[in-house]
N, C-alpha and C. Protein backbone atom coordinates (compact mmCIF):
# COMPACT_ATOMS: atom_id res chain seq x y z
N MET A 1 -3.70 22.81 7.51
CA MET A 1 -2.98 23.15 6.20
C MET A 1 -1.94 23.82 6.12
N ALA A 2 -0.66 23.13 5.42
CA ALA A 2 0.68 24.08 5.54
C ALA A 2 1.21 24.54 4.59
N GLY A 3 0.02 25.45 3.74
CA GLY A 3 0.59 26.42 2.59
C GLY A 3 -0.71 26.16 1.40
N VAL A 4 0.11 26.46 0.17
CA VAL A 4 -0.83 26.41 -0.89
C VAL A 4 0.00 25.91 -2.31
N ILE A 5 -0.51 25.16 -3.18
CA ILE A 5 -0.06 24.90 -4.13
C ILE A 5 -0.90 25.17 -5.13
N ASP A 6 -0.11 25.96 -6.30
CA ASP A 6 -0.77 26.28 -7.66
C ASP A 6 -0.61 25.11 -8.44
N THR A 7 -1.60 25.07 -9.01
CA THR A 7 -2.22 23.96 -10.44
C THR A 7 -0.88 23.59 -11.33
N SER A 8 -0.06 24.72 -11.35
CA SER A 8 1.17 24.56 -12.51
C SER A 8 2.15 23.97 -11.71
N GLU A 9 2.29 23.84 -10.41
CA GLU A 9 3.10 23.01 -9.86
C GLU A 9 2.97 21.45 -9.80
N PHE A 10 1.73 21.12 -10.18
CA PHE A 10 1.26 19.68 -9.89
C PHE A 10 2.26 18.69 -10.72
N HIS A 11 2.55 17.55 -10.20
CA HIS A 11 3.28 16.33 -11.01
C HIS A 11 2.64 15.15 -9.98
N ASN A 12 2.48 13.89 -11.08
CA ASN A 12 2.03 12.43 -10.21
C ASN A 12 2.83 12.61 -9.10
N GLY A 13 2.12 11.90 -7.90
CA GLY A 13 2.64 11.37 -6.82
C GLY A 13 2.49 12.61 -5.77
N MET A 14 2.32 13.79 -6.37
CA MET A 14 2.31 14.82 -5.21
C MET A 14 0.93 14.73 -4.38
N LYS A 15 1.34 15.31 -3.14
CA LYS A 15 -0.02 15.28 -2.26
C LYS A 15 -0.50 16.62 -2.03
N ILE A 16 -1.95 16.52 -2.31
CA ILE A 16 -2.46 17.94 -2.06
C ILE A 16 -3.84 17.71 -0.92
N GLU A 17 -4.32 18.89 -0.85
CA GLU A 17 -5.50 19.01 0.30
C GLU A 17 -6.57 19.72 -0.51
N ILE A 18 -7.66 18.95 -0.41
CA ILE A 18 -8.94 19.68 -0.97
C ILE A 18 -9.97 19.59 -0.04
N ASP A 19 -10.99 20.53 0.58
CA ASP A 19 -11.81 20.59 1.39
C ASP A 19 -11.57 19.78 2.62
N GLY A 20 -10.23 19.86 3.11
CA GLY A 20 -9.83 19.41 4.45
C GLY A 20 -9.55 18.08 4.25
N GLU A 21 -9.32 17.34 3.23
CA GLU A 21 -8.88 15.91 3.07
C GLU A 21 -7.66 15.85 2.01
N PRO A 22 -6.72 15.08 2.49
CA PRO A 22 -5.34 14.65 1.61
C PRO A 22 -5.81 13.95 0.54
N PHE A 23 -5.16 14.13 -0.42
CA PHE A 23 -5.25 13.53 -1.73
C PHE A 23 -3.56 12.96 -2.40
N VAL A 24 -3.55 12.37 -3.06
CA VAL A 24 -2.53 12.02 -3.93
C VAL A 24 -2.94 12.22 -5.39
N ILE A 25 -1.87 13.14 -6.18
CA ILE A 25 -2.19 12.99 -7.89
C ILE A 25 -1.86 11.87 -8.39
N VAL A 26 -3.12 10.84 -8.97
CA VAL A 26 -2.76 10.08 -9.93
C VAL A 26 -2.22 10.49 -11.21
N GLU A 27 -3.26 11.57 -11.74
CA GLU A 27 -2.62 11.65 -13.30
C GLU A 27 -3.45 13.28 -13.25
N PHE A 28 -2.88 13.90 -14.02
CA PHE A 28 -3.34 15.31 -14.53
C PHE A 28 -2.94 15.35 -15.78
N GLN A 29 -3.84 16.63 -16.44
CA GLN A 29 -3.54 17.10 -17.72
C GLN A 29 -3.93 18.46 -18.00
N HIS A 30 -2.58 19.30 -18.02
CA HIS A 30 -2.97 20.75 -18.57
C HIS A 30 -3.83 21.10 -20.01
N VAL A 31 -4.81 21.40 -20.15
CA VAL A 31 -5.57 21.41 -21.23
C VAL A 31 -5.80 23.35 -21.76
N LYS A 32 -5.59 23.46 -22.82
CA LYS A 32 -5.70 24.83 -23.05
C LYS A 32 -6.42 25.07 -24.61
N PRO A 33 -8.06 25.21 -24.15
CA PRO A 33 -8.95 25.21 -25.40
C PRO A 33 -8.61 26.34 -26.36
N GLY A 34 -9.31 26.11 -27.41
CA GLY A 34 -9.41 27.13 -28.29
C GLY A 34 -9.91 28.68 -27.96
N LYS A 35 -11.34 28.21 -27.29
CA LYS A 35 -12.00 29.18 -26.79
C LYS A 35 -12.10 29.14 -25.19
N GLY A 36 -11.97 30.15 -24.18
CA GLY A 36 -12.14 30.16 -22.84
C GLY A 36 -10.97 30.02 -22.25
N SER A 37 -10.92 29.95 -21.09
CA SER A 37 -9.29 29.56 -20.25
C SER A 37 -9.18 28.31 -20.38
N ALA A 38 -7.89 28.46 -19.75
CA ALA A 38 -7.34 27.12 -19.56
C ALA A 38 -7.70 26.32 -18.18
N PHE A 39 -7.57 25.14 -18.28
CA PHE A 39 -7.83 24.34 -16.81
C PHE A 39 -6.92 23.05 -16.80
N VAL A 40 -7.15 22.36 -15.70
CA VAL A 40 -6.27 21.44 -15.57
C VAL A 40 -7.52 20.02 -15.26
N ARG A 41 -7.26 18.90 -15.85
CA ARG A 41 -7.70 17.95 -15.58
C ARG A 41 -7.16 16.88 -14.46
N THR A 42 -7.71 16.49 -13.51
CA THR A 42 -6.99 15.95 -12.72
C THR A 42 -7.65 14.65 -11.99
N LYS A 43 -6.83 13.33 -11.84
CA LYS A 43 -7.65 12.42 -11.09
C LYS A 43 -6.46 12.22 -9.84
N ILE A 44 -7.40 12.17 -8.38
CA ILE A 44 -6.82 11.97 -7.38
C ILE A 44 -7.60 10.99 -6.36
N ARG A 45 -6.52 10.50 -5.70
CA ARG A 45 -6.86 9.66 -4.66
C ARG A 45 -6.94 9.90 -3.47
N SER A 46 -8.10 9.71 -2.38
CA SER A 46 -7.87 10.12 -0.95
C SER A 46 -7.06 9.27 -0.43
N LEU A 47 -6.03 9.60 0.48
CA LEU A 47 -5.17 9.05 1.35
C LEU A 47 -5.81 8.32 2.77
N THR A 48 -7.13 8.94 3.12
CA THR A 48 -7.76 8.43 4.42
C THR A 48 -8.88 7.42 3.60
N THR A 49 -9.37 7.50 2.64
CA THR A 49 -10.66 6.54 2.36
C THR A 49 -10.23 5.69 0.99
N GLY A 50 -9.47 5.92 0.26
CA GLY A 50 -8.80 5.49 -0.78
C GLY A 50 -9.85 5.83 -2.17
N ARG A 51 -10.84 6.66 -1.97
CA ARG A 51 -11.73 6.80 -3.08
C ARG A 51 -10.92 7.70 -4.17
N VAL A 52 -11.65 7.39 -5.37
CA VAL A 52 -10.77 8.54 -6.43
C VAL A 52 -11.93 9.39 -6.98
N LEU A 53 -11.29 10.32 -7.31
CA LEU A 53 -12.21 11.77 -7.88
C LEU A 53 -11.42 12.46 -8.95
N GLN A 54 -12.26 12.87 -9.95
CA GLN A 54 -11.90 13.55 -10.83
C GLN A 54 -12.40 14.93 -11.15
N PRO A 55 -11.77 15.86 -10.25
CA PRO A 55 -11.90 17.20 -10.54
C PRO A 55 -11.54 18.30 -11.60
N THR A 56 -11.85 19.09 -11.93
CA THR A 56 -11.57 20.01 -13.11
C THR A 56 -11.32 21.00 -12.35
N LEU A 57 -10.12 21.75 -12.36
CA LEU A 57 -9.57 23.10 -11.63
C LEU A 57 -9.11 24.19 -12.86
N LYS A 58 -9.14 25.29 -12.23
CA LYS A 58 -8.89 26.27 -13.50
C LYS A 58 -7.75 26.68 -13.38
N SER A 59 -6.69 26.51 -14.46
CA SER A 59 -5.27 26.88 -14.54
C SER A 59 -5.25 27.92 -13.62
N GLY A 60 -4.13 28.01 -12.70
CA GLY A 60 -3.59 28.64 -11.56
C GLY A 60 -4.13 28.96 -10.35
N GLU A 61 -5.56 27.90 -10.40
CA GLU A 61 -6.34 27.86 -9.20
C GLU A 61 -5.23 27.32 -8.00
N LYS A 62 -5.43 27.61 -6.93
CA LYS A 62 -4.61 27.15 -5.88
C LYS A 62 -5.39 25.99 -4.72
N VAL A 63 -4.59 25.12 -4.34
CA VAL A 63 -5.32 24.06 -3.59
C VAL A 63 -4.18 24.10 -2.28
N GLY A 64 -4.83 23.22 -1.32
CA GLY A 64 -4.01 22.98 -0.34
C GLY A 64 -2.62 22.36 -0.02
N ARG A 65 -1.77 22.35 0.66
CA ARG A 65 -0.43 21.52 1.13
C ARG A 65 -0.68 20.83 2.40
N PRO A 66 -1.12 19.27 2.40
CA PRO A 66 -1.28 18.92 3.65
C PRO A 66 -0.40 18.86 4.83
N ASP A 67 -0.58 18.80 5.90
CA ASP A 67 0.17 18.61 7.01
C ASP A 67 0.71 17.06 6.98
N ILE A 68 1.24 16.52 6.10
CA ILE A 68 1.91 15.00 6.20
C ILE A 68 3.14 14.90 6.46
N GLU A 69 3.47 13.80 6.78
CA GLU A 69 4.95 13.32 7.13
C GLU A 69 4.96 11.91 7.15
N GLU A 70 5.90 11.04 6.39
CA GLU A 70 6.13 9.76 6.43
C GLU A 70 7.59 9.08 7.36
N LYS A 71 7.16 8.25 8.06
CA LYS A 71 8.17 7.83 8.87
C LYS A 71 8.54 6.11 8.55
N ASP A 72 9.80 5.71 8.72
CA ASP A 72 10.07 4.33 8.51
C ASP A 72 10.03 3.78 9.83
N MET A 73 9.08 2.83 9.97
CA MET A 73 8.52 2.13 11.05
C MET A 73 8.69 0.66 10.83
N GLN A 74 8.50 0.16 12.06
CA GLN A 74 8.44 -1.72 12.17
C GLN A 74 7.55 -1.89 12.94
N TYR A 75 6.93 -3.05 12.10
CA TYR A 75 5.49 -3.48 12.56
C TYR A 75 5.93 -4.61 14.08
N LEU A 76 5.03 -4.44 14.87
CA LEU A 76 5.22 -4.95 16.23
C LEU A 76 4.23 -6.04 16.52
N TYR A 77 3.06 -5.73 16.28
CA TYR A 77 1.85 -6.88 16.58
C TYR A 77 0.63 -6.16 16.69
N VAL A 78 -0.45 -7.09 16.86
CA VAL A 78 -1.71 -6.59 16.60
C VAL A 78 -2.47 -6.79 17.70
N GLN A 79 -3.21 -5.81 18.17
CA GLN A 79 -4.33 -6.18 19.51
C GLN A 79 -5.55 -5.68 19.03
N GLY A 80 -6.38 -6.53 18.99
CA GLY A 80 -7.99 -6.20 18.54
C GLY A 80 -7.77 -5.73 17.12
N GLU A 81 -8.27 -4.68 16.56
CA GLU A 81 -8.44 -4.35 15.48
C GLU A 81 -7.26 -3.43 15.11
N ASP A 82 -6.62 -2.94 15.86
CA ASP A 82 -5.21 -2.15 15.77
C ASP A 82 -3.58 -2.55 15.72
N TYR A 83 -3.23 -2.23 14.64
CA TYR A 83 -1.92 -2.81 14.33
C TYR A 83 -0.71 -1.93 14.91
N TYR A 84 -0.06 -2.12 15.64
CA TYR A 84 1.17 -1.24 16.26
C TYR A 84 2.30 -1.32 15.47
N PHE A 85 3.00 -0.17 15.09
CA PHE A 85 4.44 -0.17 14.59
C PHE A 85 5.20 0.86 15.51
N MET A 86 6.44 0.66 15.59
CA MET A 86 7.40 1.74 16.29
C MET A 86 8.29 2.21 15.41
N ASP A 87 8.67 3.78 15.72
CA ASP A 87 9.55 4.29 15.08
C ASP A 87 11.04 3.84 15.40
N LYS A 88 11.86 3.42 14.16
CA LYS A 88 12.94 2.81 14.63
C LYS A 88 14.15 3.86 15.08
N ARG A 89 13.95 5.11 15.25
CA ARG A 89 14.62 6.05 15.59
C ARG A 89 14.51 6.64 17.08
N ASP A 90 13.54 6.68 17.43
CA ASP A 90 13.05 7.16 18.74
C ASP A 90 12.39 5.90 19.53
N PHE A 91 11.88 5.02 18.96
CA PHE A 91 11.08 4.00 19.49
C PHE A 91 9.79 4.02 19.99
N GLU A 92 9.23 5.45 19.49
CA GLU A 92 7.79 5.81 19.70
C GLU A 92 6.95 4.74 18.97
N GLN A 93 5.90 4.47 19.69
CA GLN A 93 4.90 3.46 18.90
C GLN A 93 3.59 4.32 18.50
N THR A 94 3.03 3.68 17.49
CA THR A 94 1.81 4.15 16.98
C THR A 94 0.91 2.97 16.44
N PHE A 95 -0.55 3.44 16.06
CA PHE A 95 -1.28 2.21 15.72
C PHE A 95 -2.05 2.76 14.47
N ILE A 96 -2.29 1.70 13.53
CA ILE A 96 -3.45 1.85 12.69
C ILE A 96 -4.39 1.01 12.73
N SER A 97 -5.67 1.23 12.15
CA SER A 97 -6.94 0.60 12.30
C SER A 97 -6.49 -0.60 11.21
N GLU A 98 -7.51 -1.83 11.43
CA GLU A 98 -7.37 -2.65 10.30
C GLU A 98 -7.90 -2.11 9.22
N LYS A 99 -9.10 -1.47 9.22
CA LYS A 99 -9.61 -0.70 7.97
C LYS A 99 -8.41 -0.07 7.36
N ALA A 100 -7.87 0.73 7.90
CA ALA A 100 -6.98 1.88 7.25
C ALA A 100 -5.74 1.34 6.55
N LEU A 101 -5.61 -0.30 7.13
CA LEU A 101 -4.76 -0.94 6.54
C LEU A 101 -4.94 -1.47 5.26
N GLY A 102 -6.19 -1.81 5.13
CA GLY A 102 -6.52 -2.86 4.00
C GLY A 102 -5.74 -3.79 3.75
N ASP A 103 -5.43 -4.24 2.27
CA ASP A 103 -4.79 -5.45 2.19
C ASP A 103 -3.19 -5.50 3.03
N ALA A 104 -2.98 -4.62 3.26
CA ALA A 104 -1.50 -4.68 3.87
C ALA A 104 -1.28 -5.64 5.00
N LYS A 105 -2.48 -5.85 5.81
CA LYS A 105 -2.48 -6.52 6.71
C LYS A 105 -1.86 -8.28 6.49
N ASN A 106 -2.45 -8.51 5.19
CA ASN A 106 -2.03 -9.76 4.94
C ASN A 106 -0.84 -10.10 4.55
N PHE A 107 0.07 -9.12 4.93
CA PHE A 107 1.57 -9.41 4.24
C PHE A 107 2.50 -9.13 5.56
N LEU A 108 1.66 -8.50 6.76
CA LEU A 108 2.53 -7.98 8.18
C LEU A 108 2.74 -9.35 8.80
N LYS A 109 4.17 -9.36 9.18
CA LYS A 109 4.51 -10.25 10.27
C LYS A 109 5.67 -9.35 11.15
N GLU A 110 5.67 -9.78 12.40
CA GLU A 110 6.63 -9.29 13.41
C GLU A 110 7.77 -8.70 12.61
N ASN A 111 8.16 -7.51 13.01
CA ASN A 111 9.72 -6.81 12.33
C ASN A 111 9.81 -6.40 10.80
N THR A 112 8.51 -6.33 10.18
CA THR A 112 8.28 -6.15 8.92
C THR A 112 8.51 -4.49 9.00
N ASP A 113 9.66 -4.04 7.83
CA ASP A 113 9.44 -2.41 7.81
C ASP A 113 8.36 -1.96 7.06
N ALA A 114 8.12 -1.03 7.47
CA ALA A 114 6.97 -0.01 6.60
C ALA A 114 7.32 1.36 6.74
N THR A 115 6.72 1.99 5.53
CA THR A 115 6.70 3.63 5.67
C THR A 115 5.08 3.89 6.19
N ILE A 116 5.22 4.76 7.18
CA ILE A 116 3.66 5.23 7.89
C ILE A 116 3.57 6.52 7.55
N LEU A 117 2.19 6.76 6.75
CA LEU A 117 1.98 8.30 6.42
C LEU A 117 1.27 8.73 7.70
N PHE A 118 1.80 9.87 7.98
CA PHE A 118 0.91 10.50 8.88
C PHE A 118 0.32 11.96 8.18
N TRP A 119 -1.30 12.01 8.90
CA TRP A 119 -1.85 13.25 8.34
C TRP A 119 -2.03 14.22 9.45
N ASN A 120 -1.78 15.04 9.89
CA ASN A 120 -2.10 16.08 11.06
C ASN A 120 -1.84 15.29 12.32
N GLY A 121 -0.63 14.49 12.35
CA GLY A 121 -0.21 13.78 13.47
C GLY A 121 -1.01 12.47 13.69
N LYS A 122 -1.75 11.96 12.92
CA LYS A 122 -2.37 10.98 13.13
C LYS A 122 -1.96 9.76 11.79
N ALA A 123 -1.76 8.50 12.10
CA ALA A 123 -1.09 7.58 11.12
C ALA A 123 -2.48 7.36 10.17
N ILE A 124 -2.57 7.27 9.03
CA ILE A 124 -3.73 7.03 8.33
C ILE A 124 -3.25 5.97 7.05
N SER A 125 -2.05 5.63 6.75
CA SER A 125 -1.82 4.60 5.88
C SER A 125 -0.08 3.97 5.84
N VAL A 126 -0.09 2.86 5.14
CA VAL A 126 1.11 2.17 5.34
C VAL A 126 1.54 1.48 3.89
N THR A 127 2.89 1.80 3.71
CA THR A 127 3.36 1.43 2.19
C THR A 127 4.32 0.26 2.98
N LEU A 128 4.15 -0.90 2.22
CA LEU A 128 4.94 -2.07 2.55
C LEU A 128 6.22 -1.89 1.66
N PRO A 129 7.38 -2.84 1.40
CA PRO A 129 8.18 -3.19 0.85
C PRO A 129 7.44 -3.84 -0.49
N ASN A 130 7.91 -3.86 -1.55
CA ASN A 130 7.47 -4.37 -2.90
C ASN A 130 7.27 -5.87 -2.53
N SER A 131 7.96 -6.37 -1.94
CA SER A 131 7.88 -7.78 -1.38
C SER A 131 8.19 -8.49 -0.08
N VAL A 132 7.65 -9.35 0.37
CA VAL A 132 8.10 -9.99 1.63
C VAL A 132 8.24 -11.28 1.52
N ASP A 133 9.24 -11.89 2.57
CA ASP A 133 9.43 -13.26 2.59
C ASP A 133 8.50 -13.71 3.70
N LEU A 134 7.19 -15.02 3.39
CA LEU A 134 6.38 -15.31 4.19
C LEU A 134 6.59 -17.15 4.32
N LYS A 135 6.44 -17.64 5.33
CA LYS A 135 6.49 -18.88 5.42
C LYS A 135 4.83 -19.78 5.16
N VAL A 136 4.87 -20.91 4.44
CA VAL A 136 3.88 -21.73 3.99
C VAL A 136 3.52 -22.49 5.52
N ILE A 137 2.25 -22.10 5.92
CA ILE A 137 1.82 -22.94 7.19
C ILE A 137 1.15 -24.43 6.97
N LYS A 138 0.46 -24.01 5.71
CA LYS A 138 -0.73 -25.09 5.10
C LYS A 138 -1.11 -25.04 3.75
N CYS A 139 -0.49 -26.36 3.26
CA CYS A 139 -1.03 -26.54 1.94
C CYS A 139 -0.85 -27.99 1.57
N ASP A 140 -1.74 -28.25 0.47
CA ASP A 140 -1.68 -30.00 0.07
C ASP A 140 -0.33 -30.00 -0.78
N PRO A 141 0.40 -31.33 -0.02
CA PRO A 141 1.64 -31.79 -0.97
C PRO A 141 1.15 -32.08 -2.64
N GLY A 142 2.50 -31.84 -3.02
CA GLY A 142 1.93 -31.77 -4.45
C GLY A 142 2.22 -33.37 -4.98
N VAL A 143 1.48 -33.71 -5.92
CA VAL A 143 1.48 -35.06 -6.33
C VAL A 143 2.23 -35.42 -7.28
N ARG A 144 3.21 -36.65 -7.33
CA ARG A 144 4.12 -36.98 -7.97
C ARG A 144 3.26 -37.15 -9.48
N GLY A 145 4.03 -36.86 -10.47
CA GLY A 145 3.23 -37.04 -11.87
C GLY A 145 2.34 -35.96 -12.19
N ASP A 146 1.76 -35.14 -11.19
CA ASP A 146 1.00 -34.15 -11.77
C ASP A 146 1.64 -32.99 -11.94
N THR A 147 1.91 -32.63 -13.52
CA THR A 147 2.85 -31.86 -13.89
C THR A 147 2.13 -30.99 -14.83
N VAL A 148 0.74 -30.75 -14.70
CA VAL A 148 0.36 -29.64 -15.61
C VAL A 148 0.48 -28.18 -15.70
N SER A 149 1.23 -27.87 -16.71
CA SER A 149 1.96 -26.58 -16.95
C SER A 149 1.01 -25.70 -16.29
N GLY A 150 1.88 -24.82 -15.10
CA GLY A 150 0.91 -23.66 -14.87
C GLY A 150 -0.12 -23.91 -13.68
N ALA A 151 -0.14 -25.09 -13.49
CA ALA A 151 -1.40 -25.43 -12.29
C ALA A 151 -1.01 -24.89 -11.04
N LEU A 152 -1.73 -24.48 -10.49
CA LEU A 152 -1.92 -23.99 -9.17
C LEU A 152 -2.26 -24.33 -8.07
N LYS A 153 -2.19 -24.40 -6.59
CA LYS A 153 -2.80 -24.75 -5.61
C LYS A 153 -3.04 -23.64 -4.49
N PRO A 154 -3.96 -23.41 -3.72
CA PRO A 154 -3.94 -22.77 -2.73
C PRO A 154 -3.02 -23.32 -1.15
N ALA A 155 -2.20 -22.36 -0.82
CA ALA A 155 -1.31 -22.06 0.25
C ALA A 155 -1.46 -21.31 1.33
N THR A 156 -1.83 -21.37 2.63
CA THR A 156 -1.87 -20.55 3.76
C THR A 156 -0.42 -20.18 4.03
N LEU A 157 -0.21 -18.76 4.30
CA LEU A 157 0.87 -18.30 4.59
C LEU A 157 0.84 -17.97 6.22
N GLU A 158 1.90 -17.53 6.87
CA GLU A 158 2.17 -17.42 8.38
C GLU A 158 1.31 -16.29 8.76
N THR A 159 0.85 -15.57 7.65
CA THR A 159 -0.14 -14.41 8.65
C THR A 159 -1.59 -14.80 8.22
N GLY A 160 -1.61 -16.01 7.82
CA GLY A 160 -3.49 -16.19 7.76
C GLY A 160 -3.68 -16.08 6.16
N PHE A 161 -3.21 -15.39 5.22
CA PHE A 161 -3.50 -15.01 3.93
C PHE A 161 -3.08 -16.34 3.03
N GLU A 162 -4.01 -16.51 1.86
CA GLU A 162 -4.11 -17.41 1.29
C GLU A 162 -3.78 -17.03 -0.04
N VAL A 163 -2.69 -17.61 -0.83
CA VAL A 163 -2.03 -17.52 -2.28
C VAL A 163 -2.23 -18.93 -2.90
N ASN A 164 -2.18 -18.42 -4.10
CA ASN A 164 -2.11 -19.73 -5.29
C ASN A 164 -0.80 -19.77 -5.42
N VAL A 165 0.00 -21.06 -5.48
CA VAL A 165 1.23 -21.24 -5.92
C VAL A 165 1.37 -22.63 -6.49
N PRO A 166 2.62 -22.46 -7.18
CA PRO A 166 2.77 -24.09 -8.00
C PRO A 166 2.84 -25.06 -7.48
N LEU A 167 2.66 -26.37 -7.98
CA LEU A 167 2.45 -27.44 -7.37
C LEU A 167 3.54 -27.87 -6.45
N PHE A 168 4.62 -27.75 -6.73
CA PHE A 168 5.98 -28.32 -6.14
C PHE A 168 6.26 -27.40 -4.55
N ILE A 169 5.34 -26.48 -4.28
CA ILE A 169 5.73 -25.93 -3.26
C ILE A 169 4.90 -26.66 -2.03
N ASN A 170 5.65 -26.76 -1.00
CA ASN A 170 5.41 -27.57 0.08
C ASN A 170 5.25 -26.70 1.75
N GLU A 171 4.58 -27.03 2.61
CA GLU A 171 4.48 -26.74 3.95
C GLU A 171 5.92 -26.37 4.27
N GLY A 172 6.04 -25.51 4.89
CA GLY A 172 7.42 -25.02 5.43
C GLY A 172 8.49 -24.22 4.65
N ASP A 173 8.06 -24.18 3.29
CA ASP A 173 8.83 -23.52 2.32
C ASP A 173 8.70 -21.63 2.81
N VAL A 174 9.44 -21.01 2.29
CA VAL A 174 9.32 -19.44 2.44
C VAL A 174 9.26 -19.36 1.01
N LEU A 175 8.29 -18.26 0.92
CA LEU A 175 7.99 -17.65 -0.50
C LEU A 175 8.24 -16.38 -0.63
N LYS A 176 8.52 -15.63 -1.32
CA LYS A 176 8.52 -14.08 -1.88
C LYS A 176 7.17 -13.87 -2.24
N ILE A 177 6.56 -12.76 -1.68
CA ILE A 177 5.11 -12.44 -2.05
C ILE A 177 5.15 -11.11 -2.60
N ASP A 178 4.48 -10.74 -3.76
CA ASP A 178 4.42 -9.31 -4.14
C ASP A 178 3.45 -8.66 -3.31
N THR A 179 3.64 -7.31 -2.67
CA THR A 179 2.67 -7.14 -1.80
C THR A 179 1.65 -5.63 -2.80
N ARG A 180 2.39 -5.73 -3.74
CA ARG A 180 1.89 -4.52 -4.75
C ARG A 180 0.45 -4.46 -5.40
N ASP A 181 -0.13 -6.30 -5.68
CA ASP A 181 -1.26 -6.40 -6.55
C ASP A 181 -1.85 -7.38 -6.03
N GLY A 182 -2.09 -7.53 -4.66
CA GLY A 182 -3.01 -8.39 -3.89
C GLY A 182 -2.51 -9.59 -3.09
N GLY A 183 -1.38 -9.53 -3.55
CA GLY A 183 -0.14 -10.61 -3.23
C GLY A 183 -0.06 -11.74 -3.97
N LYS A 184 0.70 -12.11 -4.81
CA LYS A 184 1.05 -12.72 -6.08
C LYS A 184 2.30 -13.61 -5.74
N TYR A 185 2.18 -14.76 -5.72
CA TYR A 185 3.61 -15.45 -5.50
C TYR A 185 4.43 -15.34 -6.58
N LEU A 186 5.83 -14.97 -6.11
CA LEU A 186 6.93 -14.44 -7.05
C LEU A 186 7.93 -15.80 -7.15
N THR A 187 8.32 -16.26 -6.08
CA THR A 187 9.70 -17.32 -6.16
C THR A 187 9.54 -17.80 -4.69
N ARG A 188 10.13 -19.10 -4.56
CA ARG A 188 10.50 -19.79 -3.18
C ARG A 188 11.61 -19.10 -2.88
N VAL A 189 11.71 -18.79 -1.56
CA VAL A 189 13.28 -18.67 -1.04
C VAL A 189 13.91 -19.51 -0.64
N ALA A 190 13.51 -20.30 0.26
CA ALA A 190 13.82 -21.38 0.84
C ALA A 190 12.95 -22.63 0.97
N THR A 191 13.55 -23.74 1.12
CA THR A 191 12.53 -25.05 1.17
C THR A 191 12.28 -25.52 2.54
N ALA A 192 11.29 -26.29 2.94
CA ALA A 192 11.04 -26.87 3.99
C ALA A 192 12.42 -27.90 4.52
N GLY A 193 12.82 -27.72 5.78
CA GLY A 193 14.10 -28.70 5.79
C GLY A 193 14.71 -28.28 6.99
């Protein structure tokens, strides 16, 4: 633990340590009841497991400041269940397990830039850009005259992830995919050809 943080310093997105585990503050509210002492209602998410807790802390209570660091890295390759990344400044490599990556693995292709979060020197999570460009490797062709408004079909991307796309998308097209909410199709970047 690299120090302490008072509850009066809380803000959304702040990283704190409770019981030896790093968390990020999702929301918080200072409460001053008519009787009794003030307290802080918080909603925090674990940076290692993703679980969400809602502890109530006394006003002025101190929590830990975690030993965390963020590095801009580039995705290299997967070996077994480990995904390898390289620091673009010193070329040092590290890996993150498939479990720790979660849904991010669906959007990783070679040379994708990402921000890796380290806690006590160990890589624990990855943050991808808000969108990535991925090629369609398999999808049914669009049928001429099939113009139902808003109709979708499944398409398999180069990472193996399947996403629902409009009927006009073909194999070989490059699509912009939103990485934040489970991988939604945003737009076609390039057509096959």
